[in-house]
Amino acid sequence: MTERAVASLGPALAASRLELPPGATSEWRDHARGEAFLYVVAGSGRLALPEQTFPLAPESVAWLEPGDRYRLEAGEDGLTVLAAGAGTEVGG
C-alpha cells in the first residue's frame, strides 16, 4: 500500500491518498486522534472492522469514530481511497 499526504493543517485536519494494488490488504490501523472520513476514489474492496466488513466501490463513503480499528482490502481492480480527519496522521 502506498500512502501520500495530500494536505495538512497541523493537528486540525490532514488528508492522505491511500492506494492498494489488486488483492492487497493493509495492516490493521488504529485511528486514535479523532473522527476520520474515507472516500473511495477508484477501484473496489472492503473496509474491515473487527466486528463487521463493508463493501467499498467508487464514491463509497465511510465514517470512522475515534478508536476504531480497521483495515482496507483491495478487490481485483485495486483500491484508491482519500482519507481525511483530525490529526497529522489520518491513517494511523
N, C-alpha and C. Protein backbone atom coordinates (compact mmCIF):
# COMPACT_ATOMS: atom_id res chain seq x y z
N MET A 1 0.85 -1.17 0.00
CA MET A 1 0.00 0.00 0.00
C MET A 1 0.89 1.23 0.00
N THR A 2 0.50 2.22 -0.79
CA THR A 2 1.20 3.49 -0.74
C THR A 2 0.30 4.53 -0.10
N GLU A 3 0.89 5.41 0.68
CA GLU A 3 0.14 6.48 1.33
C GLU A 3 0.87 7.78 1.06
N ARG A 4 0.14 8.76 0.56
CA ARG A 4 0.74 10.05 0.23
C ARG A 4 -0.10 11.14 0.87
N ALA A 5 0.53 11.96 1.69
CA ALA A 5 -0.18 13.09 2.29
C ALA A 5 -0.54 14.08 1.18
N VAL A 6 -1.78 14.53 1.20
CA VAL A 6 -2.20 15.50 0.19
C VAL A 6 -2.50 16.86 0.80
N ALA A 7 -2.72 16.92 2.10
CA ALA A 7 -2.96 18.20 2.76
C ALA A 7 -2.77 18.03 4.26
N SER A 8 -2.33 19.10 4.92
CA SER A 8 -2.23 19.09 6.37
C SER A 8 -2.39 20.49 6.89
N LEU A 9 -3.28 20.63 7.85
CA LEU A 9 -3.46 21.90 8.54
C LEU A 9 -3.07 21.72 10.00
N GLY A 10 -1.93 21.08 10.20
CA GLY A 10 -1.47 20.79 11.55
C GLY A 10 -2.36 19.77 12.20
N PRO A 11 -2.58 19.88 13.51
CA PRO A 11 -3.40 18.90 14.20
C PRO A 11 -4.89 19.04 13.91
N ALA A 12 -5.29 20.10 13.22
CA ALA A 12 -6.72 20.32 12.96
C ALA A 12 -7.26 19.41 11.87
N LEU A 13 -6.51 19.20 10.79
CA LEU A 13 -7.02 18.42 9.66
C LEU A 13 -5.86 17.94 8.80
N ALA A 14 -5.97 16.70 8.35
CA ALA A 14 -4.98 16.14 7.42
C ALA A 14 -5.72 15.25 6.44
N ALA A 15 -5.15 15.09 5.25
CA ALA A 15 -5.73 14.21 4.24
C ALA A 15 -4.63 13.41 3.57
N SER A 16 -4.93 12.16 3.27
CA SER A 16 -3.98 11.27 2.61
C SER A 16 -4.69 10.49 1.52
N ARG A 17 -3.93 10.14 0.49
CA ARG A 17 -4.43 9.27 -0.58
C ARG A 17 -3.80 7.90 -0.34
N LEU A 18 -4.64 6.88 -0.17
CA LEU A 18 -4.18 5.51 0.08
C LEU A 18 -4.43 4.69 -1.18
N GLU A 19 -3.40 4.01 -1.67
CA GLU A 19 -3.53 3.20 -2.88
C GLU A 19 -3.08 1.78 -2.59
N LEU A 20 -3.98 0.83 -2.83
CA LEU A 20 -3.66 -0.59 -2.66
C LEU A 20 -3.73 -1.27 -4.01
N PRO A 21 -2.73 -2.08 -4.35
CA PRO A 21 -2.78 -2.82 -5.61
C PRO A 21 -3.83 -3.93 -5.53
N PRO A 22 -4.20 -4.49 -6.66
CA PRO A 22 -5.20 -5.56 -6.66
C PRO A 22 -4.87 -6.68 -5.67
N GLY A 23 -5.87 -7.06 -4.87
CA GLY A 23 -5.73 -8.15 -3.92
C GLY A 23 -4.97 -7.83 -2.64
N ALA A 24 -4.47 -6.62 -2.50
CA ALA A 24 -3.67 -6.26 -1.31
C ALA A 24 -4.56 -5.98 -0.10
N THR A 25 -3.99 -6.17 1.07
CA THR A 25 -4.66 -5.86 2.33
C THR A 25 -3.73 -4.99 3.16
N SER A 26 -4.25 -3.90 3.71
CA SER A 26 -3.44 -3.04 4.56
C SER A 26 -3.26 -3.69 5.93
N GLU A 27 -2.32 -3.18 6.68
CA GLU A 27 -2.17 -3.57 8.08
C GLU A 27 -3.39 -3.05 8.84
N TRP A 28 -3.65 -3.63 10.00
CA TRP A 28 -4.69 -3.07 10.87
C TRP A 28 -4.23 -1.68 11.30
N ARG A 29 -5.15 -0.73 11.27
CA ARG A 29 -4.84 0.65 11.60
C ARG A 29 -5.76 1.09 12.74
N ASP A 30 -5.20 1.83 13.68
CA ASP A 30 -5.97 2.38 14.80
C ASP A 30 -6.07 3.87 14.60
N HIS A 31 -7.28 4.36 14.49
CA HIS A 31 -7.47 5.79 14.31
C HIS A 31 -7.82 6.40 15.67
N ALA A 32 -6.80 6.84 16.38
CA ALA A 32 -6.98 7.26 17.77
C ALA A 32 -7.18 8.76 17.95
N ARG A 33 -6.84 9.57 16.96
CA ARG A 33 -6.81 11.02 17.19
C ARG A 33 -8.13 11.74 16.97
N GLY A 34 -9.10 11.13 16.41
CA GLY A 34 -10.37 11.80 16.15
C GLY A 34 -11.13 11.07 15.07
N GLU A 35 -12.21 11.66 14.62
CA GLU A 35 -13.02 11.06 13.58
C GLU A 35 -12.30 11.15 12.23
N ALA A 36 -12.60 10.19 11.34
CA ALA A 36 -12.00 10.18 10.01
C ALA A 36 -13.07 9.88 8.98
N PHE A 37 -12.83 10.37 7.80
CA PHE A 37 -13.73 10.22 6.66
C PHE A 37 -12.96 9.52 5.56
N LEU A 38 -13.50 8.43 5.01
CA LEU A 38 -12.88 7.72 3.89
C LEU A 38 -13.78 7.85 2.67
N TYR A 39 -13.19 8.17 1.53
CA TYR A 39 -13.93 8.30 0.27
C TYR A 39 -13.21 7.47 -0.78
N VAL A 40 -13.93 6.54 -1.42
CA VAL A 40 -13.32 5.70 -2.44
C VAL A 40 -13.27 6.46 -3.76
N VAL A 41 -12.07 6.71 -4.24
CA VAL A 41 -11.84 7.42 -5.49
C VAL A 41 -11.96 6.46 -6.66
N ALA A 42 -11.37 5.28 -6.54
CA ALA A 42 -11.37 4.31 -7.63
C ALA A 42 -11.20 2.90 -7.08
N GLY A 43 -11.58 1.93 -7.88
CA GLY A 43 -11.42 0.53 -7.51
C GLY A 43 -12.54 0.02 -6.62
N SER A 44 -12.28 -1.10 -6.00
CA SER A 44 -13.26 -1.72 -5.12
C SER A 44 -12.54 -2.51 -4.04
N GLY A 45 -13.29 -2.95 -3.06
CA GLY A 45 -12.70 -3.73 -1.98
C GLY A 45 -13.62 -3.76 -0.78
N ARG A 46 -13.00 -3.84 0.39
CA ARG A 46 -13.77 -3.91 1.63
C ARG A 46 -13.09 -3.11 2.73
N LEU A 47 -13.90 -2.57 3.61
CA LEU A 47 -13.45 -1.94 4.84
C LEU A 47 -13.75 -2.95 5.94
N ALA A 48 -12.71 -3.44 6.60
CA ALA A 48 -12.89 -4.45 7.64
C ALA A 48 -12.69 -3.81 9.00
N LEU A 49 -13.68 -3.98 9.86
CA LEU A 49 -13.58 -3.64 11.28
C LEU A 49 -13.53 -4.98 12.02
N PRO A 50 -13.13 -5.02 13.27
CA PRO A 50 -13.08 -6.30 13.97
C PRO A 50 -14.43 -7.02 14.00
N GLU A 51 -15.53 -6.26 14.03
CA GLU A 51 -16.86 -6.88 14.15
C GLU A 51 -17.61 -7.04 12.83
N GLN A 52 -17.25 -6.25 11.80
CA GLN A 52 -18.01 -6.20 10.56
C GLN A 52 -17.11 -5.90 9.38
N THR A 53 -17.61 -6.23 8.20
CA THR A 53 -16.93 -5.88 6.96
C THR A 53 -17.94 -5.19 6.04
N PHE A 54 -17.50 -4.12 5.37
CA PHE A 54 -18.37 -3.35 4.50
C PHE A 54 -17.78 -3.30 3.09
N PRO A 55 -18.62 -3.50 2.05
CA PRO A 55 -18.12 -3.41 0.69
C PRO A 55 -17.79 -1.97 0.32
N LEU A 56 -16.77 -1.80 -0.51
CA LEU A 56 -16.38 -0.48 -0.99
C LEU A 56 -16.40 -0.47 -2.51
N ALA A 57 -16.93 0.58 -3.09
CA ALA A 57 -16.98 0.79 -4.54
C ALA A 57 -16.73 2.27 -4.78
N PRO A 58 -16.47 2.67 -6.03
CA PRO A 58 -16.26 4.09 -6.29
C PRO A 58 -17.38 4.96 -5.71
N GLU A 59 -16.99 6.03 -5.07
CA GLU A 59 -17.86 7.01 -4.42
C GLU A 59 -18.47 6.51 -3.11
N SER A 60 -18.01 5.34 -2.60
CA SER A 60 -18.42 4.91 -1.26
C SER A 60 -17.82 5.84 -0.23
N VAL A 61 -18.51 6.01 0.88
CA VAL A 61 -18.05 6.85 1.97
C VAL A 61 -18.14 6.06 3.27
N ALA A 62 -17.15 6.23 4.12
CA ALA A 62 -17.18 5.61 5.44
C ALA A 62 -16.74 6.63 6.48
N TRP A 63 -17.35 6.56 7.64
CA TRP A 63 -17.02 7.45 8.76
C TRP A 63 -16.46 6.59 9.87
N LEU A 64 -15.30 6.95 10.39
CA LEU A 64 -14.67 6.21 11.48
C LEU A 64 -14.66 7.07 12.74
N GLU A 65 -15.04 6.46 13.82
CA GLU A 65 -15.06 7.13 15.12
C GLU A 65 -13.68 7.02 15.77
N PRO A 66 -13.36 7.92 16.72
CA PRO A 66 -12.09 7.80 17.43
C PRO A 66 -11.96 6.40 18.06
N GLY A 67 -10.80 5.79 17.91
CA GLY A 67 -10.56 4.47 18.48
C GLY A 67 -10.93 3.32 17.57
N ASP A 68 -11.59 3.58 16.44
CA ASP A 68 -11.93 2.48 15.52
C ASP A 68 -10.66 1.83 14.98
N ARG A 69 -10.68 0.52 14.93
CA ARG A 69 -9.58 -0.27 14.36
C ARG A 69 -10.11 -0.81 13.03
N TYR A 70 -9.31 -0.64 11.97
CA TYR A 70 -9.79 -1.06 10.65
C TYR A 70 -8.63 -1.44 9.74
N ARG A 71 -8.98 -2.09 8.65
CA ARG A 71 -8.03 -2.33 7.57
C ARG A 71 -8.78 -2.26 6.25
N LEU A 72 -8.04 -2.01 5.20
CA LEU A 72 -8.61 -1.95 3.85
C LEU A 72 -8.17 -3.17 3.07
N GLU A 73 -9.10 -3.72 2.29
CA GLU A 73 -8.83 -4.89 1.46
C GLU A 73 -9.20 -4.53 0.03
N ALA A 74 -8.24 -4.57 -0.88
CA ALA A 74 -8.48 -4.21 -2.27
C ALA A 74 -9.08 -5.37 -3.05
N GLY A 75 -9.96 -5.02 -3.98
CA GLY A 75 -10.53 -6.01 -4.88
C GLY A 75 -9.61 -6.27 -6.06
N GLU A 76 -10.15 -6.92 -7.09
CA GLU A 76 -9.35 -7.29 -8.27
C GLU A 76 -8.84 -6.09 -9.05
N ASP A 77 -9.48 -4.93 -8.89
CA ASP A 77 -9.08 -3.73 -9.62
C ASP A 77 -8.32 -2.73 -8.75
N GLY A 78 -7.86 -3.17 -7.58
CA GLY A 78 -7.16 -2.28 -6.67
C GLY A 78 -8.13 -1.38 -5.93
N LEU A 79 -7.60 -0.50 -5.10
CA LEU A 79 -8.43 0.39 -4.29
C LEU A 79 -7.67 1.69 -4.02
N THR A 80 -8.31 2.80 -4.33
CA THR A 80 -7.75 4.12 -4.04
C THR A 80 -8.75 4.87 -3.16
N VAL A 81 -8.28 5.32 -2.00
CA VAL A 81 -9.14 5.96 -1.01
C VAL A 81 -8.53 7.30 -0.59
N LEU A 82 -9.37 8.30 -0.46
CA LEU A 82 -8.97 9.57 0.14
C LEU A 82 -9.43 9.52 1.58
N ALA A 83 -8.49 9.70 2.51
CA ALA A 83 -8.79 9.68 3.94
C ALA A 83 -8.54 11.07 4.50
N ALA A 84 -9.50 11.59 5.24
CA ALA A 84 -9.35 12.91 5.86
C ALA A 84 -9.87 12.86 7.28
N GLY A 85 -9.19 13.60 8.16
CA GLY A 85 -9.66 13.63 9.52
C GLY A 85 -8.76 14.46 10.41
N ALA A 86 -9.08 14.45 11.69
CA ALA A 86 -8.31 15.20 12.67
C ALA A 86 -6.99 14.51 12.94
N GLY A 87 -5.96 15.30 13.13
CA GLY A 87 -4.64 14.76 13.44
C GLY A 87 -3.71 14.86 12.26
N THR A 88 -2.44 14.72 12.52
CA THR A 88 -1.45 14.85 11.45
C THR A 88 -1.23 13.56 10.70
N GLU A 89 -1.73 12.44 11.23
CA GLU A 89 -1.61 11.16 10.54
C GLU A 89 -3.00 10.58 10.42
N VAL A 90 -3.65 10.78 9.29
CA VAL A 90 -5.02 10.32 9.11
C VAL A 90 -5.11 8.82 9.19
N GLY A 91 -4.18 8.11 8.60
CA GLY A 91 -4.27 6.66 8.54
C GLY A 91 -3.92 5.93 9.81
N GLY A 92 -3.35 6.59 10.78
CA GLY A 92 -2.89 5.80 11.92
C GLY A 92 -2.92 6.48 13.20
